[in-house]
Amino acid sequence: MTAAPASTGFGRESGQNPQAAPAPATSINVIDVANIEVIYNHVILVLKGVSLSVPEGGIVALLGGNGAGKSTTLKSISNLLRTERGEVTKGHIHCRGERVDGLTPNDLVRRGVIQVMEGRHCFGHLTVEENLLTGAFIHGSKRRQIADDLEKVYHYFPRLKERRTSQAGYTSGGEQQMTAIGRALMSRPTTILLDEPSMGLAPQLVEEIFEIVKNLNEQEKVSILLAEQNTNVALRYAHYGYILENGRVVLDGNAAALRENEDVKEFYLGIAGEGRRSFRDVKHYRRRKRWL
C-alpha cells in the first residue's frame, strides 16, 4: 500500500505524523451522545439510554454483535433514522457543543459530520471517479479545489486511481469500500461515522482499509466513530471502545484495557480460558449508568 502523504489535508492543516496511536490528550469532544433512546415505528425500542463521546482527533470503536444497536447509534448521530421510520425519543446529541439531533443530514454534512453506510452503497452505474465527485457536491467547491481533493483521495487509495474509469458496480468489495470512504473524504469531513468497514472483505483487505483509516486520523486529523463486529481488529486501531448489547452500553474503556478484559477475550476475541465453561456462568458486566 502506498503511504499516505503528510499534507495540508482536506481544507485543514496537518502536523507531524505521530509514531503511535495514543488516546488524544484533549477535552474537546466532536460528538457527545447523552442517554438516547431510539424507537422504530413508534413501537420497537432499540437503544436504551446509550451515551458515548468522540474526542477531537480520536478513533472510537463501537463494538457488539449483530443487532446490538451499532448502526442505529450511528444513524441517530447522522440523523438518518427518519428514512427508516425511527426517531430519538429521549436524550440529546451534540456536535462540538451544538445540539444537532434536530438538524437534517445535509446540515450535519456541512458541519463536517458524514456517515459511510454499512454495505458501501456506491452508485453502481457510475464510474469510480464519478462516485467520488458526488461527495464534493455539497460544498459547491471550485474546479481546482475538487481536483486537489480528488488527487488527495487517490494518494490514500492508489487502487482507485487505477480503476477510476470502471463502473463501481463491477469493482470488488474492497474497492467499493475504498470508494465509499473516498467519497466521504471529498466532503472535507472533520468526523466520519464508519459503519462495518470490514463486512464481507478478505482479512488482507480489512487490514489495508484499517491502515488507511489510521492514516486519515493521524495525518488529516479526522475523528472517527467506528461501528464494527470485528472486535480484534477494531481494538488494535481504536483509542477507546464501547461495547453494546441489546441496545445498551455494557462496557467501555481504553482499547488496550478492553483487549485485556476477560469477558471481552472470552466472548468477542474468541480467547477461552482453561476447560469448557457455561456462557451463563461466566458472562458478566459491571453495568453502570455513565450519564448520572
Protein backbone atom coordinates (compact mmCIF):
# COMPACT_ATOMS: atom_id res chain seq x y z
CA MET A 1 0.00 0.00 0.00
CA THR A 2 1.29 3.44 -0.93
CA ALA A 3 1.95 5.57 2.13
CA ALA A 4 -0.44 8.49 2.52
CA PRO A 5 1.18 11.90 2.17
CA ALA A 6 1.53 14.31 5.06
CA SER A 7 -0.26 17.29 3.58
CA THR A 8 -2.45 20.24 4.33
CA GLY A 9 -5.48 17.94 4.44
CA PHE A 10 -8.98 18.35 3.06
CA GLY A 11 -9.13 22.06 3.70
CA ARG A 12 -7.33 21.67 7.04
CA GLU A 13 -3.79 21.81 8.40
CA SER A 14 -1.82 18.69 9.34
CA GLY A 15 1.05 18.36 11.82
CA GLN A 16 3.83 15.84 12.06
CA ASN A 17 2.85 12.19 11.98
CA PRO A 18 2.69 10.55 15.41
CA GLN A 19 4.63 7.33 15.85
CA ALA A 20 1.87 5.52 17.76
CA ALA A 21 -1.85 5.86 18.31
CA PRO A 22 -2.34 7.06 21.90
CA ALA A 23 -5.62 8.49 23.03
CA PRO A 24 -5.63 12.22 22.22
CA ALA A 25 -4.95 14.47 25.21
CA THR A 26 -7.80 16.91 24.72
CA SER A 27 -11.03 17.83 26.48
CA ILE A 28 -12.87 18.76 23.27
CA ASN A 29 -15.43 16.25 22.04
CA VAL A 30 -16.59 16.40 18.44
CA ILE A 31 -19.55 14.14 19.29
CA ASP A 32 -21.42 13.78 22.59
CA VAL A 33 -24.33 11.35 22.84
CA ALA A 34 -26.20 11.55 26.16
CA ASN A 35 -28.71 8.93 27.29
CA ILE A 36 -30.55 8.49 23.99
CA GLU A 37 -33.43 6.14 23.35
CA VAL A 38 -34.48 5.19 19.83
CA ILE A 39 -37.82 3.75 18.77
CA TYR A 40 -38.77 2.36 15.35
CA ASN A 41 -42.34 2.51 14.05
CA HIS A 42 -43.45 4.09 17.36
CA VAL A 43 -43.25 0.62 18.94
CA ILE A 44 -39.83 -1.09 18.82
CA LEU A 45 -37.36 0.18 21.43
CA VAL A 46 -33.85 -0.37 20.01
CA LEU A 47 -31.50 1.88 22.01
CA LYS A 48 -31.95 2.18 25.77
CA GLY A 49 -30.00 5.02 27.34
CA VAL A 50 -26.88 4.99 25.16
CA SER A 51 -24.16 7.53 25.99
CA LEU A 52 -20.78 7.96 24.34
CA SER A 53 -18.23 10.60 23.35
CA VAL A 54 -15.81 11.02 20.46
CA PRO A 55 -12.85 13.26 21.33
CA GLU A 56 -11.17 15.58 18.87
CA GLY A 57 -8.74 13.57 16.75
CA GLY A 58 -9.73 10.21 18.28
CA ILE A 59 -10.74 6.82 16.92
CA VAL A 60 -13.61 5.38 18.97
CA ALA A 61 -14.86 1.85 18.34
CA LEU A 62 -18.49 0.88 18.86
CA LEU A 63 -18.46 -2.89 19.28
CA GLY A 64 -21.03 -5.62 19.62
CA GLY A 65 -22.75 -8.47 17.85
CA ASN A 66 -25.25 -8.30 15.04
CA GLY A 67 -28.39 -6.47 16.18
CA ALA A 68 -26.74 -4.84 19.20
CA GLY A 69 -27.65 -1.33 18.00
CA LYS A 70 -24.38 -0.13 16.47
CA SER A 71 -25.78 1.04 13.13
CA THR A 72 -28.79 2.60 14.84
CA THR A 73 -26.44 4.62 17.06
CA LEU A 74 -24.57 5.96 14.02
CA LYS A 75 -27.80 6.80 12.22
CA SER A 76 -29.02 8.61 15.34
CA ILE A 77 -25.96 10.85 15.15
CA SER A 78 -26.18 11.41 11.38
CA ASN A 79 -29.96 11.92 11.58
CA LEU A 80 -30.73 9.19 9.04
CA LEU A 81 -33.21 7.41 11.33
CA ARG A 82 -36.25 9.04 9.79
CA THR A 83 -35.61 7.28 6.48
CA GLU A 84 -36.26 4.01 8.37
CA ARG A 85 -39.20 5.30 10.46
CA GLY A 86 -37.04 5.67 13.54
CA GLU A 87 -36.68 8.57 15.97
CA VAL A 88 -34.72 9.64 19.02
CA THR A 89 -37.33 9.91 21.77
CA LYS A 90 -35.07 10.72 24.74
CA GLY A 91 -31.66 12.20 25.34
CA HIS A 92 -29.68 14.55 23.14
CA ILE A 93 -26.74 14.66 20.72
CA HIS A 94 -24.17 17.45 20.47
CA CYS A 95 -21.53 18.20 17.86
CA ARG A 96 -18.77 20.46 19.21
CA GLY A 97 -21.16 21.73 21.87
CA GLU A 98 -24.05 22.41 19.47
CA ARG A 99 -27.18 20.31 19.74
CA VAL A 100 -27.69 18.61 16.37
CA ASP A 101 -30.38 15.95 16.82
CA GLY A 102 -32.93 18.30 15.23
CA LEU A 103 -30.85 19.04 12.12
CA THR A 104 -31.16 17.43 8.70
CA PRO A 105 -28.45 15.05 7.45
CA ASN A 106 -27.20 17.59 4.89
CA ASP A 107 -26.85 20.20 7.64
CA LEU A 108 -24.63 17.77 9.52
CA VAL A 109 -22.52 17.10 6.43
CA ARG A 110 -21.97 20.85 6.11
CA ARG A 111 -20.79 20.81 9.72
CA GLY A 112 -18.24 18.14 8.82
CA VAL A 113 -20.02 15.01 10.13
CA ILE A 114 -20.58 12.33 7.49
CA GLN A 115 -21.54 8.66 7.64
CA VAL A 116 -20.13 5.86 5.49
CA MET A 117 -23.01 3.40 5.42
CA GLU A 118 -22.83 -0.33 6.04
CA GLY A 119 -22.75 -2.20 2.74
CA ARG A 120 -20.86 0.61 0.93
CA HIS A 121 -23.85 1.89 -1.15
CA CYS A 122 -21.91 3.01 -4.20
CA PHE A 123 -23.74 4.15 -7.33
CA GLY A 124 -23.19 1.01 -9.38
CA HIS A 125 -23.93 2.62 -12.78
CA LEU A 126 -21.41 5.44 -12.23
CA THR A 127 -17.66 5.15 -12.58
CA VAL A 128 -15.41 5.15 -9.51
CA GLU A 129 -14.39 8.76 -10.17
CA GLU A 130 -17.98 9.88 -10.69
CA ASN A 131 -18.87 8.30 -7.34
CA LEU A 132 -16.06 10.25 -5.69
CA LEU A 133 -17.17 13.51 -7.30
CA THR A 134 -20.68 13.17 -5.82
CA GLY A 135 -19.09 13.73 -2.42
CA ALA A 136 -17.85 17.20 -3.44
CA PHE A 137 -21.27 18.44 -4.50
CA ILE A 138 -22.36 19.51 -1.00
CA HIS A 139 -19.72 22.25 -0.80
CA GLY A 140 -20.03 23.61 -4.34
CA SER A 141 -16.25 23.74 -4.49
CA LYS A 142 -14.37 25.30 -7.34
CA ARG A 143 -12.97 23.03 -10.04
CA ARG A 144 -9.39 23.44 -8.82
CA GLN A 145 -10.33 22.54 -5.25
CA ILE A 146 -12.25 19.48 -6.41
CA ALA A 147 -9.25 18.35 -8.48
CA ASP A 148 -6.95 18.77 -5.47
CA ASP A 149 -9.29 16.80 -3.21
CA LEU A 150 -9.62 14.08 -5.83
CA GLU A 151 -5.87 13.75 -6.11
CA LYS A 152 -5.65 13.53 -2.33
CA VAL A 153 -8.13 10.63 -2.32
CA TYR A 154 -6.04 8.88 -4.97
CA HIS A 155 -2.96 9.26 -2.75
CA TYR A 156 -4.72 7.41 0.05
CA PHE A 157 -6.39 4.92 -2.30
CA PRO A 158 -4.00 4.37 -5.23
CA ARG A 159 -6.08 1.40 -6.38
CA LEU A 160 -8.99 3.74 -7.09
CA LYS A 161 -6.82 5.76 -9.47
CA GLU A 162 -6.21 2.61 -11.47
CA ARG A 163 -9.97 1.87 -11.55
CA ARG A 164 -11.19 5.44 -11.91
CA THR A 165 -12.99 4.79 -15.23
CA SER A 166 -14.51 1.44 -14.19
CA GLN A 167 -18.16 1.18 -13.24
CA ALA A 168 -18.34 0.96 -9.45
CA GLY A 169 -20.83 -1.91 -9.64
CA TYR A 170 -18.20 -4.10 -11.33
CA THR A 171 -15.40 -3.43 -8.84
CA SER A 172 -14.50 -5.68 -5.89
CA GLY A 173 -15.96 -5.31 -2.41
CA GLY A 174 -12.71 -3.80 -1.15
CA GLU A 175 -12.62 -1.27 -3.98
CA GLN A 176 -16.22 -0.31 -3.31
CA GLN A 177 -15.42 0.23 0.37
CA MET A 178 -12.48 2.43 -0.62
CA THR A 179 -14.80 4.33 -2.99
CA ALA A 180 -17.34 4.90 -0.20
CA ILE A 181 -14.67 6.24 2.19
CA GLY A 182 -13.10 8.33 -0.58
CA ARG A 183 -16.49 9.83 -1.42
CA ALA A 184 -16.85 10.85 2.23
CA LEU A 185 -13.41 12.48 2.15
CA MET A 186 -14.45 14.58 -0.84
CA SER A 187 -16.91 16.31 1.52
CA ARG A 188 -13.94 17.51 3.62
CA PRO A 189 -15.18 15.98 6.89
CA THR A 190 -13.92 16.58 10.40
CA THR A 191 -15.71 13.47 11.70
CA ILE A 192 -16.51 10.21 9.91
CA LEU A 193 -19.08 7.69 11.17
CA LEU A 194 -17.80 4.43 9.68
CA ASP A 195 -20.26 1.52 9.71
CA GLU A 196 -18.87 -2.03 9.41
CA PRO A 197 -15.95 -1.31 7.04
CA SER A 198 -14.70 -4.93 7.26
CA MET A 199 -18.00 -6.55 6.27
CA GLY A 200 -17.56 -9.10 3.50
CA LEU A 201 -13.87 -8.36 2.94
CA ALA A 202 -10.88 -10.70 2.93
CA PRO A 203 -8.60 -10.36 6.01
CA GLN A 204 -5.80 -8.78 3.95
CA LEU A 205 -8.17 -6.11 2.63
CA VAL A 206 -9.52 -5.48 6.14
CA GLU A 207 -6.00 -4.68 7.36
CA GLU A 208 -5.45 -2.40 4.36
CA ILE A 209 -8.68 -0.49 4.99
CA PHE A 210 -7.92 -0.04 8.70
CA GLU A 211 -4.38 1.14 7.96
CA ILE A 212 -5.82 3.81 5.67
CA VAL A 213 -8.34 4.80 8.35
CA LYS A 214 -5.46 5.14 10.82
CA ASN A 215 -3.51 7.32 8.34
CA LEU A 216 -6.53 9.56 7.81
CA ASN A 217 -6.88 10.01 11.54
CA GLU A 218 -3.19 10.75 12.15
CA GLN A 219 -2.39 12.83 9.08
CA GLU A 220 -5.68 14.56 8.25
CA LYS A 221 -6.84 14.80 11.91
CA VAL A 222 -10.22 13.28 11.06
CA SER A 223 -12.08 11.99 14.13
CA ILE A 224 -13.66 8.58 13.59
CA LEU A 225 -16.53 6.71 15.25
CA LEU A 226 -16.25 3.13 14.03
CA ALA A 227 -19.04 0.55 14.34
CA GLU A 228 -17.51 -2.89 13.90
CA GLN A 229 -18.17 -6.56 14.66
CA ASN A 230 -14.51 -7.47 14.13
CA THR A 231 -13.51 -6.65 17.70
CA ASN A 232 -9.95 -7.90 17.34
CA VAL A 233 -9.06 -5.53 14.50
CA ALA A 234 -11.09 -2.60 15.83
CA LEU A 235 -9.40 -2.60 19.25
CA ARG A 236 -5.94 -2.63 17.63
CA TYR A 237 -6.64 0.63 15.81
CA ALA A 238 -9.02 2.45 18.16
CA HIS A 239 -8.10 4.59 21.16
CA TYR A 240 -11.30 3.92 23.11
CA GLY A 241 -14.15 1.44 22.84
CA TYR A 242 -17.78 0.93 23.82
CA ILE A 243 -19.48 -2.47 23.80
CA LEU A 244 -23.19 -2.60 23.04
CA GLU A 245 -25.55 -5.44 23.92
CA ASN A 246 -29.29 -5.32 23.29
CA GLY A 247 -29.25 -1.57 22.82
CA ARG A 248 -27.26 -0.75 25.97
CA VAL A 249 -23.63 0.15 26.61
CA VAL A 250 -22.46 -2.63 28.91
CA LEU A 251 -18.71 -1.92 28.95
CA ASP A 252 -16.38 0.85 27.88
CA GLY A 253 -12.75 1.81 28.35
CA ASN A 254 -9.40 2.35 26.67
CA ALA A 255 -8.82 -0.04 23.80
CA ALA A 256 -5.78 -1.59 25.47
CA ALA A 257 -7.76 -2.28 28.66
CA LEU A 258 -10.65 -3.81 26.72
CA ARG A 259 -8.27 -6.14 24.90
CA GLU A 260 -7.14 -7.48 28.28
CA ASN A 261 -10.63 -7.76 29.76
CA GLU A 262 -11.50 -11.40 30.42
CA ASP A 263 -15.11 -11.10 29.25
CA VAL A 264 -14.04 -9.37 26.04
CA LYS A 265 -11.43 -12.06 25.42
CA GLU A 266 -13.97 -14.82 26.03
CA PHE A 267 -16.92 -13.57 24.04
CA TYR A 268 -15.55 -11.15 21.43
CA LEU A 269 -11.95 -12.18 20.76
CA GLY A 270 -12.51 -15.94 20.97
CA ILE A 271 -9.77 -16.49 23.57
CA ALA A 272 -11.15 -19.03 26.02
CA GLY A 273 -9.70 -19.94 29.37
CA GLU A 274 -8.94 -23.45 30.59
CA GLY A 275 -11.66 -26.04 30.13
CA ARG A 276 -15.24 -25.63 28.91
CA ARG A 277 -17.39 -23.11 30.70
CA SER A 278 -21.04 -22.24 30.55
CA PHE A 279 -21.94 -18.93 28.90
CA ARG A 280 -24.47 -18.33 31.67
CA ASP A 281 -21.96 -18.91 34.44
CA VAL A 282 -19.21 -16.57 33.32
CA LYS A 283 -20.78 -13.77 31.29
CA HIS A 284 -20.95 -10.72 33.46
CA TYR A 285 -20.50 -6.99 33.01
CA ARG A 286 -20.35 -4.20 35.50
CA ARG A 287 -23.35 -2.26 34.25
CA ARG A 288 -23.38 1.40 35.17
CA LYS A 289 -25.24 4.47 34.07
CA ARG A 290 -22.46 6.76 32.93
CA TRP A 291 -24.75 9.72 32.37
CA LEU A 292 -25.63 10.11 36.09
